[in-house]
Amino acid sequence: MNNLKKQKFSQKLFQNNKKIIKRSHSIPSSFELSGVSNNTTTDFSPEKLKRDGIGLIHKVYLILLKQKRLHLASTKTKSEVRGGGRKPWKQKGTGNARAGSSRSPLWVGGGVSFGPKPHTVSKKVNKKEKKKALSLLQQYKSNCFQTFSSTIFEIPTSKKTKYIVSFLKKIKIDSLKHEKVLFLFDEIEKEKMLEFQLASRNIKNVFVNSKKNLSFIQLLKMNKIVEFIPSVINDSSSVLT
């Protein structure tokens, strides 16, 4: 009887596996590549995909914030507090509770028993997740991007702030209205980037960075992103995409 039961169970299991294999082949390959579970009842509506994308961006943002945080709070233990080397009173005969040091955590001015100490907290971000989150963020921020040729703006040797202010007015950006503006330069034009940085450092909500050093958090917080394309490159497409 036991052998018959085992045979029936193995037959059922084989049939179920066949069904699973058939189902998996019927799913389009694009969904498999995007990492979506192979379930026929899954909702692939744009609203859901957008919601999932925002969730991924939020997840990566929180992990990066956690990595950035410095845990510097520090307290002294009983052994680190100054003093307390002598026994306050003898062990017996005084009527007081026995004490070995005046720097015990129970005493005023003593050490802290389980206080905070400087430490590091590291949380890993998966490479594929970070890459996908960055590409999704660029899609959501596509309306914020403006591209200009680097020849459109030349900073005089005086490096005055007024030239940056006039340029911001020219491209219709008001940094005083709490609009955070990021100017992106190519690695080829390091000198121009440094000049722009010196001229714009007195203006609030204006940030300058190179495309290579652009961070996820910086991109997320910006309202406007102005990208300068070197005059050598004729391609108007963004380097970020």
Protein backbone atom coordinates (compact mmCIF):
# COMPACT_ATOMS: atom_id res chain seq x y z
CA MET A 1 0.00 0.00 0.00
CA ASN A 2 2.79 2.39 0.89
CA ASN A 3 4.48 1.87 -2.49
CA LEU A 4 1.21 2.62 -4.32
CA LYS A 5 0.77 5.84 -2.33
CA LYS A 6 4.32 6.92 -3.18
CA GLN A 7 3.74 6.23 -6.87
CA LYS A 8 0.49 8.25 -6.92
CA PHE A 9 2.17 11.15 -5.08
CA SER A 10 5.12 11.21 -7.51
CA GLN A 11 2.70 11.15 -10.49
CA LYS A 12 0.76 14.12 -9.08
CA LEU A 13 3.97 16.02 -8.41
CA PHE A 14 5.20 15.39 -11.96
CA GLN A 15 1.86 16.61 -13.39
CA ASN A 16 2.02 19.79 -11.25
CA ASN A 17 5.60 20.45 -12.42
CA LYS A 18 4.46 20.08 -16.04
CA LYS A 19 1.73 22.67 -15.44
CA ILE A 20 4.22 25.08 -13.86
CA ILE A 21 6.63 24.69 -16.80
CA LYS A 22 3.80 25.35 -19.29
CA ARG A 23 2.72 28.48 -17.37
CA SER A 24 6.26 29.85 -17.18
CA HIS A 25 6.70 29.49 -20.97
CA SER A 26 3.47 31.37 -21.64
CA ILE A 27 4.68 34.51 -19.79
CA PRO A 28 6.25 37.20 -22.04
CA SER A 29 10.04 37.47 -21.76
CA SER A 30 9.95 41.25 -21.07
CA PHE A 31 8.24 40.67 -17.72
CA GLU A 32 10.81 38.02 -16.81
CA LEU A 33 13.65 40.39 -17.60
CA SER A 34 12.13 43.19 -15.54
CA GLY A 35 12.11 40.94 -12.48
CA VAL A 36 8.32 40.70 -12.15
CA SER A 37 6.95 37.47 -10.68
CA ASN A 38 5.50 34.95 -13.15
CA ASN A 39 1.89 35.24 -12.09
CA THR A 40 -0.91 35.54 -14.64
CA THR A 41 -3.06 37.63 -12.26
CA THR A 42 -0.31 40.29 -11.81
CA ASP A 43 -1.40 43.87 -12.53
CA PHE A 44 0.95 45.52 -15.09
CA SER A 45 -0.89 48.85 -15.22
CA PRO A 46 1.21 52.07 -15.56
CA GLU A 47 -0.09 53.29 -12.18
CA LYS A 48 1.18 50.17 -10.40
CA LEU A 49 4.54 50.25 -12.18
CA LYS A 50 4.94 53.93 -11.27
CA ARG A 51 4.03 53.19 -7.64
CA ASP A 52 6.56 50.34 -7.51
CA GLY A 53 9.21 52.59 -9.07
CA ILE A 54 8.65 55.32 -6.46
CA GLY A 55 8.84 52.64 -3.77
CA LEU A 56 12.23 51.48 -5.09
CA ILE A 57 13.55 55.07 -5.24
CA HIS A 58 12.38 55.64 -1.65
CA LYS A 59 14.03 52.42 -0.49
CA VAL A 60 17.41 53.30 -2.06
CA TYR A 61 17.15 56.87 -0.71
CA LEU A 62 16.62 55.65 2.88
CA ILE A 63 19.55 53.21 2.64
CA LEU A 64 21.85 55.97 1.32
CA LEU A 65 20.74 58.28 4.14
CA LYS A 66 21.49 55.55 6.67
CA GLN A 67 24.98 55.09 5.20
CA LYS A 68 25.58 58.85 5.35
CA ARG A 69 24.62 59.21 9.01
CA LEU A 70 27.40 59.58 11.61
CA HIS A 71 26.82 57.99 15.02
CA LEU A 72 29.12 60.17 17.14
CA ALA A 73 27.31 60.23 20.51
CA SER A 74 29.67 59.00 23.25
CA THR A 75 29.46 58.40 27.00
CA LYS A 76 32.05 57.27 29.56
CA THR A 77 31.87 53.96 31.36
CA LYS A 78 32.86 53.34 35.01
CA SER A 79 36.48 52.65 33.99
CA GLU A 80 36.74 55.79 31.81
CA VAL A 81 35.42 58.35 34.34
CA ARG A 82 38.15 60.22 36.25
CA GLY A 83 38.59 59.20 39.89
CA GLY A 84 36.96 56.43 41.88
CA GLY A 85 40.13 54.42 42.46
CA ARG A 86 39.79 54.31 46.26
CA LYS A 87 37.11 52.28 48.04
CA PRO A 88 34.72 54.87 49.60
CA TRP A 89 34.38 53.01 52.93
CA LYS A 90 35.22 49.66 54.36
CA GLN A 91 33.19 46.61 53.37
CA LYS A 92 31.55 45.92 56.74
CA GLY A 93 30.61 47.73 59.93
CA THR A 94 29.42 51.13 58.63
CA GLY A 95 25.77 50.25 57.98
CA ASN A 96 26.02 51.58 54.43
CA ALA A 97 25.57 49.46 51.34
CA ARG A 98 28.86 47.99 50.15
CA ALA A 99 30.65 50.07 47.49
CA GLY A 100 33.91 49.52 45.64
CA SER A 101 34.12 52.80 43.69
CA SER A 102 32.57 56.26 43.79
CA ARG A 103 32.27 56.13 39.98
CA SER A 104 29.73 53.30 39.93
CA PRO A 105 26.78 53.85 37.52
CA LEU A 106 24.53 53.91 40.62
CA TRP A 107 26.32 57.01 41.99
CA VAL A 108 25.95 60.64 40.92
CA GLY A 109 28.99 61.51 38.81
CA GLY A 110 29.58 57.86 37.98
CA GLY A 111 29.89 56.16 34.62
CA VAL A 112 27.05 55.29 32.27
CA SER A 113 26.23 51.59 32.15
CA PHE A 114 24.79 51.14 28.63
CA GLY A 115 25.38 54.52 27.01
CA PRO A 116 26.00 55.19 23.31
CA LYS A 117 29.43 54.87 21.73
CA PRO A 118 30.66 56.02 18.28
CA HIS A 119 29.91 53.30 15.77
CA THR A 120 29.30 52.74 12.08
CA VAL A 121 26.13 51.34 10.52
CA SER A 122 26.43 49.96 7.00
CA LYS A 123 23.59 48.73 4.86
CA LYS A 124 24.17 47.32 1.38
CA VAL A 125 22.35 48.53 -1.71
CA ASN A 126 22.11 45.96 -4.48
CA LYS A 127 23.88 47.20 -7.64
CA LYS A 128 20.96 46.32 -9.92
CA GLU A 129 18.45 47.99 -7.59
CA LYS A 130 20.51 51.19 -7.40
CA LYS A 131 20.99 51.26 -11.18
CA LYS A 132 17.26 50.71 -11.78
CA ALA A 133 16.31 53.35 -9.18
CA LEU A 134 18.66 55.89 -10.81
CA SER A 135 17.23 55.22 -14.29
CA LEU A 136 13.64 55.54 -12.95
CA LEU A 137 14.57 58.78 -11.17
CA GLN A 138 15.96 60.20 -14.42
CA GLN A 139 12.68 59.31 -16.15
CA TYR A 140 10.60 61.04 -13.47
CA LYS A 141 12.92 64.08 -13.55
CA SER A 142 13.02 64.32 -17.36
CA ASN A 143 10.88 67.51 -17.29
CA CYS A 144 13.44 69.20 -15.02
CA PHE A 145 16.36 68.80 -17.46
CA GLN A 146 17.61 71.61 -19.69
CA THR A 147 20.58 71.20 -22.03
CA PHE A 148 22.80 73.99 -23.33
CA SER A 149 26.05 74.19 -25.23
CA SER A 150 28.99 75.24 -23.07
CA THR A 151 29.71 78.12 -25.51
CA ILE A 152 26.43 79.83 -24.51
CA PHE A 153 27.99 81.15 -21.31
CA GLU A 154 31.46 82.58 -20.73
CA ILE A 155 32.60 83.79 -17.28
CA PRO A 156 34.96 86.80 -17.26
CA THR A 157 38.19 86.59 -15.26
CA SER A 158 36.64 88.68 -12.45
CA LYS A 159 34.24 85.76 -11.63
CA LYS A 160 31.47 88.07 -10.41
CA THR A 161 28.13 86.73 -9.13
CA LYS A 162 26.16 89.19 -11.27
CA TYR A 163 27.06 87.24 -14.43
CA ILE A 164 25.49 84.07 -12.98
CA VAL A 165 22.39 86.02 -11.88
CA SER A 166 21.93 87.45 -15.38
CA PHE A 167 22.38 83.97 -16.87
CA LEU A 168 19.73 82.52 -14.52
CA LYS A 169 17.32 85.27 -15.61
CA LYS A 170 18.13 84.52 -19.24
CA ILE A 171 17.16 80.85 -18.89
CA LYS A 172 14.13 81.78 -16.70
CA ILE A 173 15.23 80.21 -13.42
CA ASP A 174 14.60 82.01 -10.12
CA SER A 175 16.72 80.47 -7.34
CA LEU A 176 15.22 82.86 -4.77
CA LYS A 177 11.85 81.08 -5.07
CA HIS A 178 13.29 78.03 -3.26
CA GLU A 179 14.05 76.34 -6.59
CA LYS A 180 17.14 74.19 -6.23
CA VAL A 181 19.17 74.37 -9.44
CA LEU A 182 21.98 72.00 -10.36
CA PHE A 183 24.50 72.83 -13.10
CA LEU A 184 26.19 69.79 -14.58
CA PHE A 185 29.51 69.98 -16.41
CA ASP A 186 31.43 67.40 -18.38
CA GLU A 187 34.76 66.05 -17.11
CA ILE A 188 36.54 67.70 -20.07
CA GLU A 189 35.60 71.19 -18.82
CA LYS A 190 36.92 71.10 -15.25
CA GLU A 191 38.32 74.65 -15.43
CA LYS A 192 35.00 76.10 -16.57
CA MET A 193 33.21 74.21 -13.80
CA LEU A 194 35.56 75.64 -11.13
CA GLU A 195 35.06 79.17 -12.49
CA PHE A 196 31.28 78.70 -12.44
CA GLN A 197 31.49 77.32 -8.89
CA LEU A 198 33.44 80.35 -7.63
CA ALA A 199 31.05 82.80 -9.29
CA SER A 200 27.87 81.08 -8.02
CA ARG A 201 28.82 80.21 -4.43
CA ASN A 202 27.09 83.33 -3.03
CA ILE A 203 23.75 82.47 -4.64
CA LYS A 204 21.32 80.42 -2.59
CA ASN A 205 19.99 77.10 -3.99
CA VAL A 206 22.55 76.95 -6.83
CA PHE A 207 24.73 73.83 -6.97
CA VAL A 208 27.54 72.87 -9.36
CA ASN A 209 28.79 69.36 -10.01
CA SER A 210 30.33 67.14 -12.69
CA LYS A 211 28.31 64.39 -14.40
CA LYS A 212 30.72 61.77 -13.11
CA ASN A 213 30.29 62.75 -9.43
CA LEU A 214 26.51 63.20 -9.53
CA SER A 215 24.91 61.51 -6.52
CA PHE A 216 21.48 59.89 -6.23
CA ILE A 217 20.38 62.15 -3.34
CA GLN A 218 21.51 65.32 -5.13
CA LEU A 219 19.55 64.40 -8.24
CA LEU A 220 16.46 63.61 -6.16
CA LYS A 221 16.43 66.98 -4.34
CA MET A 222 16.87 69.25 -7.37
CA ASN A 223 13.99 71.16 -8.98
CA LYS A 224 15.92 72.15 -12.11
CA ILE A 225 18.94 70.50 -13.73
CA VAL A 226 20.94 72.44 -16.32
CA GLU A 227 23.36 70.32 -18.32
CA PHE A 228 26.22 71.88 -20.26
CA ILE A 229 27.38 69.90 -23.29
CA PRO A 230 30.97 70.51 -24.43
CA SER A 231 31.40 72.27 -27.77
CA VAL A 232 33.49 69.29 -28.97
CA ILE A 233 30.47 66.96 -28.68
CA ASN A 234 27.71 67.71 -31.17
CA ASP A 235 25.34 65.10 -29.74
CA SER A 236 22.51 66.88 -27.86
CA SER A 237 21.49 63.74 -25.93
CA SER A 238 22.09 63.70 -22.18
CA VAL A 239 25.03 61.75 -20.77
CA LEU A 240 22.84 60.67 -17.83
CA THR A 241 20.42 58.69 -20.00
